[in-house]
Amino acid sequence: MSRANVIAVGMIDARFDCIRNGDTSSQLFAETSMAMEMAYALGAIDDGEFSHYKDRFNRLYQIQAEAFIADIRRSAP
C-alpha cells in the first residue's frame, strides 16, 4: 500500500466510524462521500476499494433513511 492509500483509507474509515457511532449528520455523509470521490480521483484507492466504500456508504445511508422514516411513522397521530 502506498502512503496515499493509507492516508485515504484512514480518512474514509474514520468517517465511517463516526457514522456507525451515531453521528448521522448530512455534513458527515457529504464529507464521507467527498473523501471517497477525492481518494478515487487522485488514484489513492483503486476501483475495487472505491466500489467497496460506495456500497458500504449506500448501506449506511439506507439504514439511516429507514430509521428516520420509522421515527416519523411512530410520531404520527
PDB file of N, CA and C in Angstrom:
ATOM      1  N   MET A   1       0.837  -1.188   0.000  1.00  0.00           N
ATOM      2  CA  MET A   1       0.000   0.000   0.000  1.00  0.00           C
ATOM      3  C   MET A   1       0.878   1.246   0.000  1.00  0.00           C
ATOM      4  N   SER A   2       0.470   2.191  -0.776  1.00  0.00           N
ATOM      5  CA  SER A   2       1.202   3.451  -0.822  1.00  0.00           C
ATOM      6  C   SER A   2       0.814   4.317   0.372  1.00  0.00           C
ATOM      7  N   ARG A   3       1.618   5.312   0.617  1.00  0.00           N
ATOM      8  CA  ARG A   3       1.328   6.244   1.711  1.00  0.00           C
ATOM      9  C   ARG A   3      -0.005   6.957   1.461  1.00  0.00           C
ATOM     10  N   ALA A   4      -0.256   7.327   0.212  1.00  0.00           N
ATOM     11  CA  ALA A   4      -1.517   7.996  -0.134  1.00  0.00           C
ATOM     12  C   ALA A   4      -2.707   7.088   0.150  1.00  0.00           C
ATOM     13  N   ASN A   5      -2.558   5.793  -0.133  1.00  0.00           N
ATOM     14  CA  ASN A   5      -3.635   4.841   0.123  1.00  0.00           C
ATOM     15  C   ASN A   5      -3.904   4.734   1.618  1.00  0.00           C
ATOM     16  N   VAL A   6      -2.850   4.641   2.413  1.00  0.00           N
ATOM     17  CA  VAL A   6      -3.005   4.521   3.868  1.00  0.00           C
ATOM     18  C   VAL A   6      -3.716   5.747   4.430  1.00  0.00           C
ATOM     19  N   ILE A   7      -3.324   6.923   3.979  1.00  0.00           N
ATOM     20  CA  ILE A   7      -3.954   8.163   4.454  1.00  0.00           C
ATOM     21  C   ILE A   7      -5.417   8.219   4.020  1.00  0.00           C
ATOM     22  N   ALA A   8      -5.681   7.919   2.752  1.00  0.00           N
ATOM     23  CA  ALA A   8      -7.054   7.974   2.233  1.00  0.00           C
ATOM     24  C   ALA A   8      -7.959   6.984   2.949  1.00  0.00           C
ATOM     25  N   VAL A   9      -7.488   5.753   3.105  1.00  0.00           N
ATOM     26  CA  VAL A   9      -8.289   4.730   3.787  1.00  0.00           C
ATOM     27  C   VAL A   9      -8.538   5.139   5.234  1.00  0.00           C
ATOM     28  N   GLY A  10      -7.538   5.708   5.888  1.00  0.00           N
ATOM     29  CA  GLY A  10      -7.714   6.177   7.265  1.00  0.00           C
ATOM     30  C   GLY A  10      -8.763   7.266   7.373  1.00  0.00           C
ATOM     31  N   MET A  11      -8.738   8.210   6.435  1.00  0.00           N
ATOM     32  CA  MET A  11      -9.723   9.297   6.442  1.00  0.00           C
ATOM     33  C   MET A  11     -11.135   8.767   6.214  1.00  0.00           C
ATOM     34  N   ILE A  12     -11.264   7.879   5.254  1.00  0.00           N
ATOM     35  CA  ILE A  12     -12.589   7.327   4.940  1.00  0.00           C
ATOM     36  C   ILE A  12     -13.097   6.479   6.100  1.00  0.00           C
ATOM     37  N   ASP A  13     -12.248   5.601   6.624  1.00  0.00           N
ATOM     38  CA  ASP A  13     -12.660   4.737   7.736  1.00  0.00           C
ATOM     39  C   ASP A  13     -13.028   5.537   8.978  1.00  0.00           C
ATOM     40  N   ALA A  14     -12.321   6.638   9.234  1.00  0.00           N
ATOM     41  CA  ALA A  14     -12.644   7.482  10.391  1.00  0.00           C
ATOM     42  C   ALA A  14     -14.054   8.057  10.258  1.00  0.00           C
ATOM     43  N   ARG A  15     -14.422   8.430   9.065  1.00  0.00           N
ATOM     44  CA  ARG A  15     -15.773   8.962   8.849  1.00  0.00           C
ATOM     45  C   ARG A  15     -16.834   7.871   8.982  1.00  0.00           C
ATOM     46  N   PHE A  16     -16.529   6.674   8.493  1.00  0.00           N
ATOM     47  CA  PHE A  16     -17.461   5.561   8.679  1.00  0.00           C
ATOM     48  C   PHE A  16     -17.615   5.226  10.165  1.00  0.00           C
ATOM     49  N   ASP A  17     -16.534   5.319  10.928  1.00  0.00           N
ATOM     50  CA  ASP A  17     -16.611   5.071  12.372  1.00  0.00           C
ATOM     51  C   ASP A  17     -17.554   6.067  13.041  1.00  0.00           C
ATOM     52  N   CYS A  18     -17.463   7.330  12.655  1.00  0.00           N
ATOM     53  CA  CYS A  18     -18.354   8.352  13.221  1.00  0.00           C
ATOM     54  C   CYS A  18     -19.813   8.047  12.891  1.00  0.00           C
ATOM     55  N   ILE A  19     -20.074   7.637  11.661  1.00  0.00           N
ATOM     56  CA  ILE A  19     -21.446   7.303  11.264  1.00  0.00           C
ATOM     57  C   ILE A  19     -21.949   6.112  12.071  1.00  0.00           C
ATOM     58  N   ARG A  20     -21.114   5.074  12.200  1.00  0.00           N
ATOM     59  CA  ARG A  20     -21.521   3.887  12.969  1.00  0.00           C
ATOM     60  C   ARG A  20     -21.746   4.215  14.439  1.00  0.00           C
ATOM     61  N   ASN A  21     -21.038   5.229  14.950  1.00  0.00           N
ATOM     62  CA  ASN A  21     -21.191   5.610  16.354  1.00  0.00           C
ATOM     63  C   ASN A  21     -22.337   6.582  16.580  1.00  0.00           C
ATOM     64  N   GLY A  22     -23.153   6.818  15.546  1.00  0.00           N
ATOM     65  CA  GLY A  22     -24.377   7.585  15.743  1.00  0.00           C
ATOM     66  C   GLY A  22     -24.389   8.985  15.173  1.00  0.00           C
ATOM     67  N   ASP A  23     -23.284   9.476  14.638  1.00  0.00           N
ATOM     68  CA  ASP A  23     -23.293  10.802  14.023  1.00  0.00           C
ATOM     69  C   ASP A  23     -23.840  10.653  12.610  1.00  0.00           C
ATOM     70  N   THR A  24     -25.078  11.023  12.430  1.00  0.00           N
ATOM     71  CA  THR A  24     -25.724  10.835  11.128  1.00  0.00           C
ATOM     72  C   THR A  24     -26.058  12.176  10.479  1.00  0.00           C
ATOM     73  N   SER A  25     -25.215  13.170  10.717  1.00  0.00           N
ATOM     74  CA  SER A  25     -25.471  14.485  10.132  1.00  0.00           C
ATOM     75  C   SER A  25     -25.267  14.450   8.622  1.00  0.00           C
ATOM     76  N   SER A  26     -25.989  15.307   7.950  1.00  0.00           N
ATOM     77  CA  SER A  26     -25.840  15.376   6.494  1.00  0.00           C
ATOM     78  C   SER A  26     -24.439  15.843   6.121  1.00  0.00           C
ATOM     79  N   GLN A  27     -23.833  16.666   6.966  1.00  0.00           N
ATOM     80  CA  GLN A  27     -22.471  17.136   6.702  1.00  0.00           C
ATOM     81  C   GLN A  27     -21.487  15.968   6.714  1.00  0.00           C
ATOM     82  N   LEU A  28     -21.634  15.061   7.674  1.00  0.00           N
ATOM     83  CA  LEU A  28     -20.728  13.916   7.740  1.00  0.00           C
ATOM     84  C   LEU A  28     -20.915  12.999   6.535  1.00  0.00           C
ATOM     85  N   PHE A  29     -22.147  12.785   6.121  1.00  0.00           N
ATOM     86  CA  PHE A  29     -22.382  11.969   4.927  1.00  0.00           C
ATOM     87  C   PHE A  29     -21.755  12.635   3.699  1.00  0.00           C
ATOM     88  N   ALA A  30     -21.862  13.951   3.595  1.00  0.00           N
ATOM     89  CA  ALA A  30     -21.257  14.664   2.467  1.00  0.00           C
ATOM     90  C   ALA A  30     -19.734  14.566   2.518  1.00  0.00           C
ATOM     91  N   GLU A  31     -19.145  14.715   3.712  1.00  0.00           N
ATOM     92  CA  GLU A  31     -17.694  14.593   3.861  1.00  0.00           C
ATOM     93  C   GLU A  31     -17.220  13.193   3.487  1.00  0.00           C
ATOM     94  N   THR A  32     -17.976  12.193   3.900  1.00  0.00           N
ATOM     95  CA  THR A  32     -17.609  10.807   3.600  1.00  0.00           C
ATOM     96  C   THR A  32     -17.637  10.564   2.100  1.00  0.00           C
ATOM     97  N   SER A  33     -18.684  11.017   1.459  1.00  0.00           N
ATOM     98  CA  SER A  33     -18.798  10.862   0.015  1.00  0.00           C
ATOM     99  C   SER A  33     -17.663  11.593  -0.698  1.00  0.00           C
ATOM    100  N   MET A  34     -17.379  12.802  -0.254  1.00  0.00           N
ATOM    101  CA  MET A  34     -16.318  13.584  -0.875  1.00  0.00           C
ATOM    102  C   MET A  34     -14.951  12.931  -0.660  1.00  0.00           C
ATOM    103  N   ALA A  35     -14.709  12.392   0.520  1.00  0.00           N
ATOM    104  CA  ALA A  35     -13.433  11.722   0.790  1.00  0.00           C
ATOM    105  C   ALA A  35     -13.249  10.524  -0.134  1.00  0.00           C
ATOM    106  N   MET A  36     -14.317   9.759  -0.343  1.00  0.00           N
ATOM    107  CA  MET A  36     -14.233   8.608  -1.245  1.00  0.00           C
ATOM    108  C   MET A  36     -13.964   9.059  -2.677  1.00  0.00           C
ATOM    109  N   GLU A  37     -14.713  10.055  -3.135  1.00  0.00           N
ATOM    110  CA  GLU A  37     -14.571  10.536  -4.510  1.00  0.00           C
ATOM    111  C   GLU A  37     -13.179  11.112  -4.762  1.00  0.00           C
ATOM    112  N   MET A  38     -12.682  11.900  -3.811  1.00  0.00           N
ATOM    113  CA  MET A  38     -11.364  12.507  -3.983  1.00  0.00           C
ATOM    114  C   MET A  38     -10.264  11.454  -3.976  1.00  0.00           C
ATOM    115  N   ALA A  39     -10.353  10.493  -3.056  1.00  0.00           N
ATOM    116  CA  ALA A  39      -9.340   9.440  -2.989  1.00  0.00           C
ATOM    117  C   ALA A  39      -9.305   8.648  -4.290  1.00  0.00           C
ATOM    118  N   TYR A  40     -10.459   8.374  -4.841  1.00  0.00           N
ATOM    119  CA  TYR A  40     -10.541   7.631  -6.102  1.00  0.00           C
ATOM    120  C   TYR A  40     -10.013   8.476  -7.262  1.00  0.00           C
ATOM    121  N   ALA A  41     -10.421   9.729  -7.315  1.00  0.00           N
ATOM    122  CA  ALA A  41      -9.996  10.612  -8.407  1.00  0.00           C
ATOM    123  C   ALA A  41      -8.485  10.831  -8.404  1.00  0.00           C
ATOM    124  N   LEU A  42      -7.885  10.853  -7.223  1.00  0.00           N
ATOM    125  CA  LEU A  42      -6.441  11.069  -7.118  1.00  0.00           C
ATOM    126  C   LEU A  42      -5.642   9.774  -7.228  1.00  0.00           C
ATOM    127  N   GLY A  43      -6.331   8.652  -7.356  1.00  0.00           N
ATOM    128  CA  GLY A  43      -5.645   7.373  -7.505  1.00  0.00           C
ATOM    129  C   GLY A  43      -5.157   6.763  -6.207  1.00  0.00           C
ATOM    130  N   ALA A  44      -5.620   7.293  -5.075  1.00  0.00           N
ATOM    131  CA  ALA A  44      -5.196   6.761  -3.779  1.00  0.00           C
ATOM    132  C   ALA A  44      -5.890   5.442  -3.463  1.00  0.00           C
ATOM    133  N   ILE A  45      -7.085   5.237  -4.015  1.00  0.00           N
ATOM    134  CA  ILE A  45      -7.778   3.952  -3.887  1.00  0.00           C
ATOM    135  C   ILE A  45      -8.130   3.469  -5.290  1.00  0.00           C
ATOM    136  N   ASP A  46      -8.183   2.159  -5.448  1.00  0.00           N
ATOM    137  CA  ASP A  46      -8.465   1.597  -6.775  1.00  0.00           C
ATOM    138  C   ASP A  46      -9.964   1.342  -6.955  1.00  0.00           C
ATOM    139  N   ASP A  47     -10.312   0.787  -8.104  1.00  0.00           N
ATOM    140  CA  ASP A  47     -11.724   0.536  -8.427  1.00  0.00           C
ATOM    141  C   ASP A  47     -12.413  -0.342  -7.389  1.00  0.00           C
ATOM    142  N   GLY A  48     -11.743  -1.408  -6.971  1.00  0.00           N
ATOM    143  CA  GLY A  48     -12.326  -2.331  -6.002  1.00  0.00           C
ATOM    144  C   GLY A  48     -12.584  -1.676  -4.660  1.00  0.00           C
ATOM    145  N   GLU A  49     -11.608  -0.894  -4.188  1.00  0.00           N
ATOM    146  CA  GLU A  49     -11.786  -0.193  -2.910  1.00  0.00           C
ATOM    147  C   GLU A  49     -12.903   0.838  -3.013  1.00  0.00           C
ATOM    148  N   PHE A  50     -12.934   1.565  -4.123  1.00  0.00           N
ATOM    149  CA  PHE A  50     -13.978   2.571  -4.297  1.00  0.00           C
ATOM    150  C   PHE A  50     -15.356   1.921  -4.298  1.00  0.00           C
ATOM    151  N   SER A  51     -15.483   0.826  -5.021  1.00  0.00           N
ATOM    152  CA  SER A  51     -16.758   0.110  -5.082  1.00  0.00           C
ATOM    153  C   SER A  51     -17.169  -0.388  -3.699  1.00  0.00           C
ATOM    154  N   HIS A  52     -16.212  -0.921  -2.949  1.00  0.00           N
ATOM    155  CA  HIS A  52     -16.481  -1.403  -1.587  1.00  0.00           C
ATOM    156  C   HIS A  52     -16.980  -0.265  -0.706  1.00  0.00           C
ATOM    157  N   TYR A  53     -16.284   0.874  -0.733  1.00  0.00           N
ATOM    158  CA  TYR A  53     -16.684   2.011   0.098  1.00  0.00           C
ATOM    159  C   TYR A  53     -18.028   2.580  -0.344  1.00  0.00           C
ATOM    160  N   LYS A  54     -18.265   2.630  -1.644  1.00  0.00           N
ATOM    161  CA  LYS A  54     -19.538   3.161  -2.145  1.00  0.00           C
ATOM    162  C   LYS A  54     -20.705   2.274  -1.700  1.00  0.00           C
ATOM    163  N   ASP A  55     -20.528   0.955  -1.790  1.00  0.00           N
ATOM    164  CA  ASP A  55     -21.572   0.031  -1.331  1.00  0.00           C
ATOM    165  C   ASP A  55     -21.818   0.190   0.164  1.00  0.00           C
ATOM    166  N   ARG A  56     -20.744   0.295   0.915  1.00  0.00           N
ATOM    167  CA  ARG A  56     -20.851   0.473   2.368  1.00  0.00           C
ATOM    168  C   ARG A  56     -21.578   1.776   2.698  1.00  0.00           C
ATOM    169  N   PHE A  57     -21.209   2.842   2.006  1.00  0.00           N
ATOM    170  CA  PHE A  57     -21.835   4.145   2.200  1.00  0.00           C
ATOM    171  C   PHE A  57     -23.330   4.073   1.906  1.00  0.00           C
ATOM    172  N   ASN A  58     -23.684   3.446   0.791  1.00  0.00           N
ATOM    173  CA  ASN A  58     -25.095   3.333   0.412  1.00  0.00           C
ATOM    174  C   ASN A  58     -25.895   2.532   1.433  1.00  0.00           C
ATOM    175  N   ARG A  59     -25.296   1.459   1.980  1.00  0.00           N
ATOM    176  CA  ARG A  59     -25.993   0.673   3.018  1.00  0.00           C
ATOM    177  C   ARG A  59     -26.231   1.514   4.268  1.00  0.00           C
ATOM    178  N   LEU A  60     -25.214   2.246   4.715  1.00  0.00           N
ATOM    179  CA  LEU A  60     -25.374   3.085   5.904  1.00  0.00           C
ATOM    180  C   LEU A  60     -26.409   4.180   5.674  1.00  0.00           C
ATOM    181  N   TYR A  61     -26.403   4.769   4.500  1.00  0.00           N
ATOM    182  CA  TYR A  61     -27.368   5.810   4.176  1.00  0.00           C
ATOM    183  C   TYR A  61     -28.785   5.243   4.169  1.00  0.00           C
ATOM    184  N   GLN A  62     -28.947   4.057   3.604  1.00  0.00           N
ATOM    185  CA  GLN A  62     -30.256   3.400   3.563  1.00  0.00           C
ATOM    186  C   GLN A  62     -30.757   3.092   4.971  1.00  0.00           C
ATOM    187  N   ILE A  63     -29.875   2.592   5.824  1.00  0.00           N
ATOM    188  CA  ILE A  63     -30.243   2.286   7.211  1.00  0.00           C
ATOM    189  C   ILE A  63     -30.701   3.552   7.920  1.00  0.00           C
ATOM    190  N   GLN A  64     -29.964   4.654   7.726  1.00  0.00           N
ATOM    191  CA  GLN A  64     -30.341   5.912   8.353  1.00  0.00           C
ATOM    192  C   GLN A  64     -31.692   6.391   7.836  1.00  0.00           C
ATOM    193  N   ALA A  65     -31.918   6.304   6.541  1.00  0.00           N
ATOM    194  CA  ALA A  65     -33.182   6.755   5.954  1.00  0.00           C
ATOM    195  C   ALA A  65     -34.353   5.928   6.480  1.00  0.00           C
ATOM    196  N   GLU A  66     -34.172   4.615   6.578  1.00  0.00           N
ATOM    197  CA  GLU A  66     -35.236   3.751   7.101  1.00  0.00           C
ATOM    198  C   GLU A  66     -35.532   4.059   8.564  1.00  0.00           C
ATOM    199  N   ALA A  67     -34.500   4.335   9.351  1.00  0.00           N
ATOM    200  CA  ALA A  67     -34.706   4.685  10.760  1.00  0.00           C
ATOM    201  C   ALA A  67     -35.449   6.015  10.871  1.00  0.00           C
ATOM    202  N   PHE A  68     -35.115   6.963  10.023  1.00  0.00           N
ATOM    203  CA  PHE A  68     -35.781   8.259  10.027  1.00  0.00           C
ATOM    204  C   PHE A  68     -37.262   8.112   9.683  1.00  0.00           C
ATOM    205  N   ILE A  69     -37.562   7.318   8.680  1.00  0.00           N
ATOM    206  CA  ILE A  69     -38.957   7.081   8.298  1.00  0.00           C
ATOM    207  C   ILE A  69     -39.711   6.379   9.425  1.00  0.00           C
ATOM    208  N   ALA A  70     -39.067   5.420  10.078  1.00  0.00           N
ATOM    209  CA  ALA A  70     -39.707   4.723  11.200  1.00  0.00           C
ATOM    210  C   ALA A  70     -40.011   5.697  12.332  1.00  0.00           C
ATOM    211  N   ASP A  71     -39.093   6.632  12.612  1.00  0.00           N
ATOM    212  CA  ASP A  71     -39.328   7.644  13.648  1.00  0.00           C
ATOM    213  C   ASP A  71     -40.515   8.530  13.288  1.00  0.00           C
ATOM    214  N   ILE A  72     -40.610   8.913  12.041  1.00  0.00           N
ATOM    215  CA  ILE A  72     -41.727   9.754  11.597  1.00  0.00           C
ATOM    216  C   ILE A  72     -43.048   9.002  11.750  1.00  0.00           C
ATOM    217  N   ARG A  73     -43.058   7.739  11.360  1.00  0.00           N
ATOM    218  CA  ARG A  73     -44.296   6.949  11.466  1.00  0.00           C
ATOM    219  C   ARG A  73     -44.717   6.761  12.917  1.00  0.00           C
ATOM    220  N   ARG A  74     -43.748   6.576  13.812  1.00  0.00           N
ATOM    221  CA  ARG A  74     -44.078   6.412  15.237  1.00  0.00           C
ATOM    222  C   ARG A  74     -44.657   7.684  15.831  1.00  0.00           C
ATOM    223  N   SER A  75     -44.210   8.831  15.335  1.00  0.00           N
ATOM    224  CA  SER A  75     -44.677  10.089  15.911  1.00  0.00           C
ATOM    225  C   SER A  75     -45.953  10.610  15.254  1.00  0.00           C
ATOM    226  N   ALA A  76     -46.387   9.978  14.182  1.00  0.00           N
ATOM    227  CA  ALA A  76     -47.613  10.411  13.505  1.00  0.00           C
ATOM    228  C   ALA A  76     -48.826  10.050  14.358  1.00  0.00           C
ATOM    229  N   PRO A  77     -49.814  10.939  14.371  1.00  0.00           N
ATOM    230  CA  PRO A  77     -51.007  10.655  15.199  1.00  0.00           C
ATOM    231  C   PRO A  77     -51.858   9.537  14.648  1.00  0.00           C
TER     232      PRO A  77
END
